[in-house]
Amino acid sequence: MEKKKMQLKILTPTKIFYDEDITSLVLRSTEGELGIRPGHIGLTCGMDYCIIRISTGEDEPVLATIMGGFAEITPRKITLITDAAEWTGEVDIDRAECAKERAKKRLDESSEQLDRERACRAMQRAEIRLKTGLLRK
């Protein structure tokens, strides 16, 4: 019996990161974790920096990092619009660790609210990239 599928399209400012049919998607919205399958109720929501899990029904689920954005979900299609996306195998762990250290240093040294907010976002991005990169091992 063939599994029901729905289209997943992931868009970044520079490219179409993913555009295939899937059987399910798990992502973290700003309201909490969502598991999405064909026939899901229509929904638009913000996304946190997160690791998404894409299942195609063929092999093991694949993982990718999403750097926030918005999700539009219909019963037959999911569109994710994000600042950046990376597959687990693409993450440069050394670079992510350096970014985390820079963000930590800025947090420790900064007294202005705007600088602290930017440093917190940079820290979140680095941490999710590290977590994704370490999952491939």
N, C-alpha and C. Protein backbone atom coordinates (compact mmCIF):
# COMPACT_ATOMS: atom_id res chain seq x y z
N MET A 1 0.84 -1.19 0.00
CA MET A 1 0.00 0.00 0.00
C MET A 1 0.88 1.24 0.00
N GLU A 2 0.62 2.14 -0.92
CA GLU A 2 1.43 3.35 -1.02
C GLU A 2 1.01 4.35 0.06
N LYS A 3 2.01 4.94 0.72
CA LYS A 3 1.72 5.93 1.75
C LYS A 3 1.29 7.23 1.12
N LYS A 4 0.39 7.93 1.81
CA LYS A 4 -0.02 9.25 1.35
C LYS A 4 1.18 10.20 1.47
N LYS A 5 1.26 11.10 0.53
CA LYS A 5 2.38 12.05 0.53
C LYS A 5 1.86 13.48 0.41
N MET A 6 2.73 14.40 0.73
CA MET A 6 2.46 15.83 0.56
C MET A 6 3.75 16.50 0.13
N GLN A 7 3.63 17.65 -0.51
CA GLN A 7 4.81 18.36 -0.99
C GLN A 7 5.42 19.19 0.13
N LEU A 8 6.76 19.15 0.23
CA LEU A 8 7.51 20.02 1.13
C LEU A 8 8.43 20.88 0.29
N LYS A 9 8.31 22.18 0.47
CA LYS A 9 9.21 23.11 -0.20
C LYS A 9 9.86 23.98 0.87
N ILE A 10 11.20 24.01 0.87
CA ILE A 10 11.96 24.84 1.82
C ILE A 10 12.70 25.89 1.01
N LEU A 11 12.40 27.15 1.29
CA LEU A 11 12.97 28.27 0.55
C LEU A 11 13.87 29.10 1.45
N THR A 12 15.08 29.43 0.95
CA THR A 12 15.98 30.37 1.62
C THR A 12 16.10 31.58 0.70
N PRO A 13 16.72 32.65 1.15
CA PRO A 13 16.88 33.82 0.27
C PRO A 13 17.68 33.54 -1.00
N THR A 14 18.52 32.50 -0.98
CA THR A 14 19.40 32.25 -2.13
C THR A 14 19.02 31.05 -2.99
N LYS A 15 18.13 30.17 -2.48
CA LYS A 15 17.85 28.97 -3.27
C LYS A 15 16.61 28.24 -2.76
N ILE A 16 16.17 27.29 -3.57
CA ILE A 16 15.18 26.32 -3.12
C ILE A 16 15.98 25.19 -2.49
N PHE A 17 15.93 25.08 -1.19
CA PHE A 17 16.72 24.10 -0.45
C PHE A 17 16.18 22.69 -0.63
N TYR A 18 14.85 22.57 -0.68
CA TYR A 18 14.23 21.24 -0.79
C TYR A 18 12.89 21.40 -1.47
N ASP A 19 12.57 20.47 -2.36
CA ASP A 19 11.27 20.48 -3.04
C ASP A 19 10.94 19.06 -3.48
N GLU A 20 10.35 18.29 -2.58
CA GLU A 20 10.04 16.88 -2.83
C GLU A 20 8.76 16.50 -2.10
N ASP A 21 8.23 15.34 -2.43
CA ASP A 21 7.09 14.78 -1.71
C ASP A 21 7.59 14.03 -0.48
N ILE A 22 6.85 14.17 0.62
CA ILE A 22 7.23 13.54 1.88
C ILE A 22 6.01 12.85 2.51
N THR A 23 6.28 12.02 3.52
CA THR A 23 5.19 11.40 4.26
C THR A 23 4.95 12.09 5.60
N SER A 24 6.00 12.74 6.15
CA SER A 24 5.82 13.49 7.40
C SER A 24 6.99 14.44 7.62
N LEU A 25 6.72 15.43 8.46
CA LEU A 25 7.72 16.43 8.83
C LEU A 25 7.54 16.75 10.30
N VAL A 26 8.65 16.86 11.02
CA VAL A 26 8.62 17.32 12.41
C VAL A 26 9.47 18.58 12.47
N LEU A 27 8.90 19.66 13.04
CA LEU A 27 9.62 20.92 13.19
C LEU A 27 9.22 21.58 14.49
N ARG A 28 9.98 22.58 14.89
CA ARG A 28 9.68 23.32 16.11
C ARG A 28 9.17 24.70 15.72
N SER A 29 7.90 24.94 16.02
CA SER A 29 7.34 26.27 15.79
C SER A 29 7.62 27.13 17.01
N THR A 30 7.26 28.38 16.94
CA THR A 30 7.44 29.25 18.10
C THR A 30 6.50 28.86 19.24
N GLU A 31 5.49 28.03 18.93
CA GLU A 31 4.53 27.58 19.94
C GLU A 31 4.84 26.17 20.46
N GLY A 32 5.76 25.48 19.83
CA GLY A 32 6.09 24.12 20.25
C GLY A 32 6.32 23.21 19.05
N GLU A 33 6.58 21.94 19.33
CA GLU A 33 6.89 20.99 18.27
C GLU A 33 5.64 20.58 17.52
N LEU A 34 5.79 20.46 16.19
CA LEU A 34 4.69 20.04 15.32
C LEU A 34 5.08 18.80 14.55
N GLY A 35 4.19 17.83 14.49
CA GLY A 35 4.33 16.69 13.62
C GLY A 35 3.28 16.85 12.53
N ILE A 36 3.71 16.83 11.28
CA ILE A 36 2.80 17.14 10.16
C ILE A 36 2.77 15.96 9.20
N ARG A 37 1.55 15.55 8.85
CA ARG A 37 1.34 14.46 7.88
C ARG A 37 0.31 14.95 6.86
N PRO A 38 0.20 14.24 5.73
CA PRO A 38 -0.81 14.62 4.74
C PRO A 38 -2.19 14.73 5.39
N GLY A 39 -2.95 15.75 4.99
CA GLY A 39 -4.27 15.98 5.56
C GLY A 39 -4.26 16.89 6.77
N HIS A 40 -3.08 17.38 7.18
CA HIS A 40 -2.98 18.27 8.34
C HIS A 40 -3.85 19.50 8.13
N ILE A 41 -4.40 20.00 9.19
CA ILE A 41 -5.21 21.22 9.13
C ILE A 41 -4.34 22.39 8.67
N GLY A 42 -4.91 23.32 7.94
CA GLY A 42 -4.18 24.50 7.49
C GLY A 42 -3.69 25.33 8.67
N LEU A 43 -2.47 25.84 8.53
CA LEU A 43 -1.83 26.55 9.63
C LEU A 43 -0.69 27.40 9.09
N THR A 44 -0.53 28.57 9.66
CA THR A 44 0.65 29.40 9.39
C THR A 44 1.26 29.73 10.75
N CYS A 45 2.58 29.55 10.87
CA CYS A 45 3.22 29.78 12.16
C CYS A 45 4.66 30.21 11.96
N GLY A 46 5.21 30.80 13.00
CA GLY A 46 6.63 31.12 13.03
C GLY A 46 7.41 29.87 13.42
N MET A 47 8.68 29.81 13.00
CA MET A 47 9.54 28.68 13.35
C MET A 47 10.71 29.18 14.18
N ASP A 48 11.09 28.38 15.16
CA ASP A 48 12.31 28.62 15.92
C ASP A 48 13.51 28.11 15.13
N TYR A 49 14.71 28.43 15.58
CA TYR A 49 15.88 27.75 15.08
C TYR A 49 15.69 26.30 15.51
N CYS A 50 15.77 25.37 14.59
CA CYS A 50 15.47 23.99 14.97
C CYS A 50 16.07 22.99 14.00
N ILE A 51 16.02 21.74 14.42
CA ILE A 51 16.36 20.62 13.56
C ILE A 51 15.04 20.04 13.09
N ILE A 52 14.87 19.94 11.78
CA ILE A 52 13.65 19.33 11.25
C ILE A 52 13.94 17.89 10.86
N ARG A 53 12.91 17.05 10.91
CA ARG A 53 13.04 15.64 10.52
C ARG A 53 12.07 15.38 9.37
N ILE A 54 12.63 15.04 8.21
CA ILE A 54 11.85 14.81 7.00
C ILE A 54 11.78 13.32 6.73
N SER A 55 10.57 12.79 6.61
CA SER A 55 10.38 11.38 6.26
C SER A 55 9.75 11.29 4.88
N THR A 56 10.36 10.47 4.04
CA THR A 56 9.84 10.30 2.68
C THR A 56 9.13 8.96 2.51
N GLY A 57 9.21 8.11 3.53
CA GLY A 57 8.61 6.80 3.46
C GLY A 57 9.52 5.77 2.82
N GLU A 58 10.65 6.21 2.30
CA GLU A 58 11.59 5.31 1.61
C GLU A 58 12.67 4.79 2.55
N ASP A 59 13.41 5.70 3.16
CA ASP A 59 14.55 5.36 3.99
C ASP A 59 14.35 5.97 5.38
N GLU A 60 15.45 6.03 6.10
CA GLU A 60 15.44 6.71 7.40
C GLU A 60 15.14 8.19 7.20
N PRO A 61 14.52 8.84 8.19
CA PRO A 61 14.29 10.29 8.07
C PRO A 61 15.62 11.03 7.91
N VAL A 62 15.58 12.15 7.20
CA VAL A 62 16.76 13.00 7.05
C VAL A 62 16.57 14.23 7.93
N LEU A 63 17.70 14.78 8.38
CA LEU A 63 17.68 15.91 9.30
C LEU A 63 18.32 17.12 8.65
N ALA A 64 17.80 18.29 8.99
CA ALA A 64 18.36 19.55 8.51
C ALA A 64 18.15 20.61 9.58
N THR A 65 19.00 21.61 9.56
CA THR A 65 18.87 22.76 10.45
C THR A 65 18.10 23.86 9.72
N ILE A 66 17.16 24.46 10.42
CA ILE A 66 16.39 25.59 9.89
C ILE A 66 16.64 26.77 10.82
N MET A 67 16.96 27.91 10.25
CA MET A 67 17.26 29.10 11.04
C MET A 67 16.06 30.03 11.13
N GLY A 68 15.03 29.56 11.80
CA GLY A 68 13.83 30.37 12.01
C GLY A 68 13.05 30.57 10.72
N GLY A 69 12.08 31.46 10.77
CA GLY A 69 11.29 31.78 9.60
C GLY A 69 9.82 31.50 9.82
N PHE A 70 9.13 31.13 8.72
CA PHE A 70 7.69 30.90 8.77
C PHE A 70 7.34 29.61 8.06
N ALA A 71 6.27 28.97 8.52
CA ALA A 71 5.76 27.76 7.90
C ALA A 71 4.31 28.00 7.49
N GLU A 72 4.00 27.59 6.26
CA GLU A 72 2.61 27.58 5.81
C GLU A 72 2.26 26.13 5.52
N ILE A 73 1.24 25.64 6.20
CA ILE A 73 0.86 24.24 6.10
C ILE A 73 -0.56 24.15 5.56
N THR A 74 -0.75 23.33 4.53
CA THR A 74 -2.08 23.02 4.02
C THR A 74 -2.19 21.49 4.04
N PRO A 75 -3.36 20.94 3.81
CA PRO A 75 -3.48 19.48 3.85
C PRO A 75 -2.58 18.73 2.86
N ARG A 76 -2.12 19.42 1.78
CA ARG A 76 -1.32 18.72 0.76
C ARG A 76 0.05 19.33 0.51
N LYS A 77 0.38 20.44 1.23
CA LYS A 77 1.65 21.11 0.95
C LYS A 77 2.15 21.84 2.20
N ILE A 78 3.48 21.81 2.36
CA ILE A 78 4.15 22.58 3.42
C ILE A 78 5.18 23.47 2.74
N THR A 79 5.16 24.74 3.08
CA THR A 79 6.18 25.67 2.59
C THR A 79 6.87 26.28 3.80
N LEU A 80 8.19 26.12 3.86
CA LEU A 80 9.00 26.73 4.92
C LEU A 80 9.83 27.83 4.29
N ILE A 81 9.75 29.01 4.85
CA ILE A 81 10.56 30.14 4.40
C ILE A 81 11.50 30.47 5.55
N THR A 82 12.80 30.35 5.29
CA THR A 82 13.79 30.47 6.36
C THR A 82 15.00 31.28 5.90
N ASP A 83 15.72 31.83 6.84
CA ASP A 83 16.94 32.59 6.52
C ASP A 83 18.04 31.68 6.00
N ALA A 84 18.10 30.46 6.54
CA ALA A 84 19.14 29.51 6.12
C ALA A 84 18.72 28.10 6.48
N ALA A 85 19.25 27.13 5.72
CA ALA A 85 18.99 25.72 5.98
C ALA A 85 20.25 24.94 5.62
N GLU A 86 20.54 23.88 6.40
CA GLU A 86 21.72 23.05 6.17
C GLU A 86 21.40 21.61 6.48
N TRP A 87 21.91 20.69 5.66
CA TRP A 87 21.83 19.26 5.96
C TRP A 87 22.85 18.93 7.03
N THR A 88 22.62 17.88 7.77
CA THR A 88 23.55 17.50 8.85
C THR A 88 24.97 17.33 8.32
N GLY A 89 25.14 16.77 7.15
CA GLY A 89 26.47 16.53 6.60
C GLY A 89 27.18 17.78 6.11
N GLU A 90 26.47 18.90 6.02
CA GLU A 90 27.07 20.15 5.54
C GLU A 90 27.61 21.04 6.65
N VAL A 91 27.27 20.74 7.88
CA VAL A 91 27.65 21.61 9.00
C VAL A 91 29.15 21.50 9.26
N ASP A 92 29.82 22.65 9.29
CA ASP A 92 31.23 22.73 9.64
C ASP A 92 31.30 22.92 11.16
N ILE A 93 31.59 21.84 11.87
CA ILE A 93 31.55 21.87 13.33
C ILE A 93 32.57 22.84 13.91
N ASP A 94 33.77 22.88 13.36
CA ASP A 94 34.79 23.82 13.86
C ASP A 94 34.32 25.26 13.72
N ARG A 95 33.74 25.58 12.58
CA ARG A 95 33.24 26.94 12.34
C ARG A 95 32.10 27.27 13.32
N ALA A 96 31.20 26.31 13.55
CA ALA A 96 30.09 26.53 14.48
C ALA A 96 30.60 26.73 15.91
N GLU A 97 31.63 25.98 16.30
CA GLU A 97 32.20 26.15 17.64
C GLU A 97 32.84 27.53 17.79
N CYS A 98 33.53 28.00 16.75
CA CYS A 98 34.13 29.34 16.78
C CYS A 98 33.04 30.41 16.89
N ALA A 99 31.95 30.24 16.15
CA ALA A 99 30.84 31.19 16.20
C ALA A 99 30.22 31.23 17.59
N LYS A 100 30.10 30.07 18.22
CA LYS A 100 29.55 30.01 19.57
C LYS A 100 30.45 30.75 20.55
N GLU A 101 31.76 30.55 20.43
CA GLU A 101 32.70 31.24 21.31
C GLU A 101 32.66 32.75 21.12
N ARG A 102 32.58 33.20 19.86
CA ARG A 102 32.47 34.64 19.58
C ARG A 102 31.20 35.22 20.20
N ALA A 103 30.09 34.51 20.05
CA ALA A 103 28.82 34.97 20.61
C ALA A 103 28.89 35.02 22.13
N LYS A 104 29.50 34.01 22.73
CA LYS A 104 29.63 33.98 24.19
C LYS A 104 30.46 35.16 24.68
N LYS A 105 31.54 35.45 23.95
CA LYS A 105 32.40 36.58 24.33
C LYS A 105 31.64 37.90 24.22
N ARG A 106 30.86 38.06 23.12
CA ARG A 106 30.07 39.28 22.97
C ARG A 106 29.03 39.41 24.06
N LEU A 107 28.42 38.30 24.46
CA LEU A 107 27.44 38.34 25.55
C LEU A 107 28.09 38.79 26.86
N ASP A 108 29.27 38.28 27.12
CA ASP A 108 29.98 38.62 28.36
C ASP A 108 30.43 40.08 28.38
N GLU A 109 30.77 40.63 27.21
CA GLU A 109 31.34 41.97 27.14
C GLU A 109 30.32 43.07 26.88
N SER A 110 29.19 42.73 26.34
CA SER A 110 28.23 43.74 25.90
C SER A 110 27.35 44.24 27.04
N SER A 111 27.11 45.54 27.02
CA SER A 111 26.20 46.11 28.00
C SER A 111 24.95 46.68 27.33
N GLU A 112 24.98 46.87 26.02
CA GLU A 112 23.82 47.41 25.32
C GLU A 112 22.84 46.29 24.97
N GLN A 113 21.55 46.58 25.14
CA GLN A 113 20.50 45.58 24.93
C GLN A 113 20.51 45.02 23.50
N LEU A 114 20.65 45.89 22.50
CA LEU A 114 20.62 45.43 21.11
C LEU A 114 21.79 44.48 20.82
N ASP A 115 22.96 44.83 21.31
CA ASP A 115 24.12 43.95 21.12
C ASP A 115 23.93 42.61 21.81
N ARG A 116 23.33 42.63 22.99
CA ARG A 116 23.08 41.37 23.72
C ARG A 116 22.08 40.51 22.97
N GLU A 117 21.03 41.12 22.40
CA GLU A 117 20.03 40.37 21.64
C GLU A 117 20.66 39.73 20.41
N ARG A 118 21.50 40.47 19.71
CA ARG A 118 22.19 39.92 18.54
C ARG A 118 23.11 38.77 18.93
N ALA A 119 23.81 38.95 20.03
CA ALA A 119 24.71 37.90 20.50
C ALA A 119 23.92 36.65 20.90
N CYS A 120 22.75 36.83 21.52
CA CYS A 120 21.91 35.68 21.90
C CYS A 120 21.45 34.92 20.66
N ARG A 121 21.03 35.64 19.62
CA ARG A 121 20.60 34.98 18.38
C ARG A 121 21.77 34.25 17.72
N ALA A 122 22.95 34.87 17.74
CA ALA A 122 24.14 34.23 17.18
C ALA A 122 24.47 32.96 17.96
N MET A 123 24.32 33.01 19.27
CA MET A 123 24.58 31.84 20.12
C MET A 123 23.57 30.73 19.79
N GLN A 124 22.30 31.07 19.63
CA GLN A 124 21.28 30.07 19.28
C GLN A 124 21.58 29.41 17.93
N ARG A 125 21.96 30.23 16.95
CA ARG A 125 22.29 29.68 15.63
C ARG A 125 23.47 28.72 15.73
N ALA A 126 24.51 29.12 16.43
CA ALA A 126 25.70 28.27 16.56
C ALA A 126 25.36 26.98 17.29
N GLU A 127 24.56 27.06 18.35
CA GLU A 127 24.22 25.86 19.12
C GLU A 127 23.40 24.87 18.30
N ILE A 128 22.44 25.35 17.51
CA ILE A 128 21.63 24.43 16.72
C ILE A 128 22.46 23.81 15.60
N ARG A 129 23.39 24.58 15.03
CA ARG A 129 24.28 24.03 14.00
C ARG A 129 25.18 22.95 14.61
N LEU A 130 25.71 23.21 15.80
CA LEU A 130 26.55 22.21 16.48
C LEU A 130 25.76 20.94 16.76
N LYS A 131 24.57 21.10 17.27
CA LYS A 131 23.73 19.94 17.57
C LYS A 131 23.45 19.13 16.30
N THR A 132 23.15 19.81 15.21
CA THR A 132 22.89 19.13 13.94
C THR A 132 24.14 18.43 13.44
N GLY A 133 25.27 19.12 13.48
CA GLY A 133 26.52 18.54 13.01
C GLY A 133 26.93 17.32 13.79
N LEU A 134 26.68 17.33 15.09
CA LEU A 134 27.06 16.19 15.92
C LEU A 134 26.14 14.99 15.72
N LEU A 135 24.93 15.22 15.20
CA LEU A 135 24.00 14.11 14.95
C LEU A 135 24.48 13.20 13.83
N ARG A 136 25.30 13.72 12.94
CA ARG A 136 25.76 12.89 11.81
C ARG A 136 26.82 11.88 12.22
N LYS A 137 27.37 12.04 13.41
CA LYS A 137 28.46 11.15 13.86
C LYS A 137 27.92 9.90 14.49
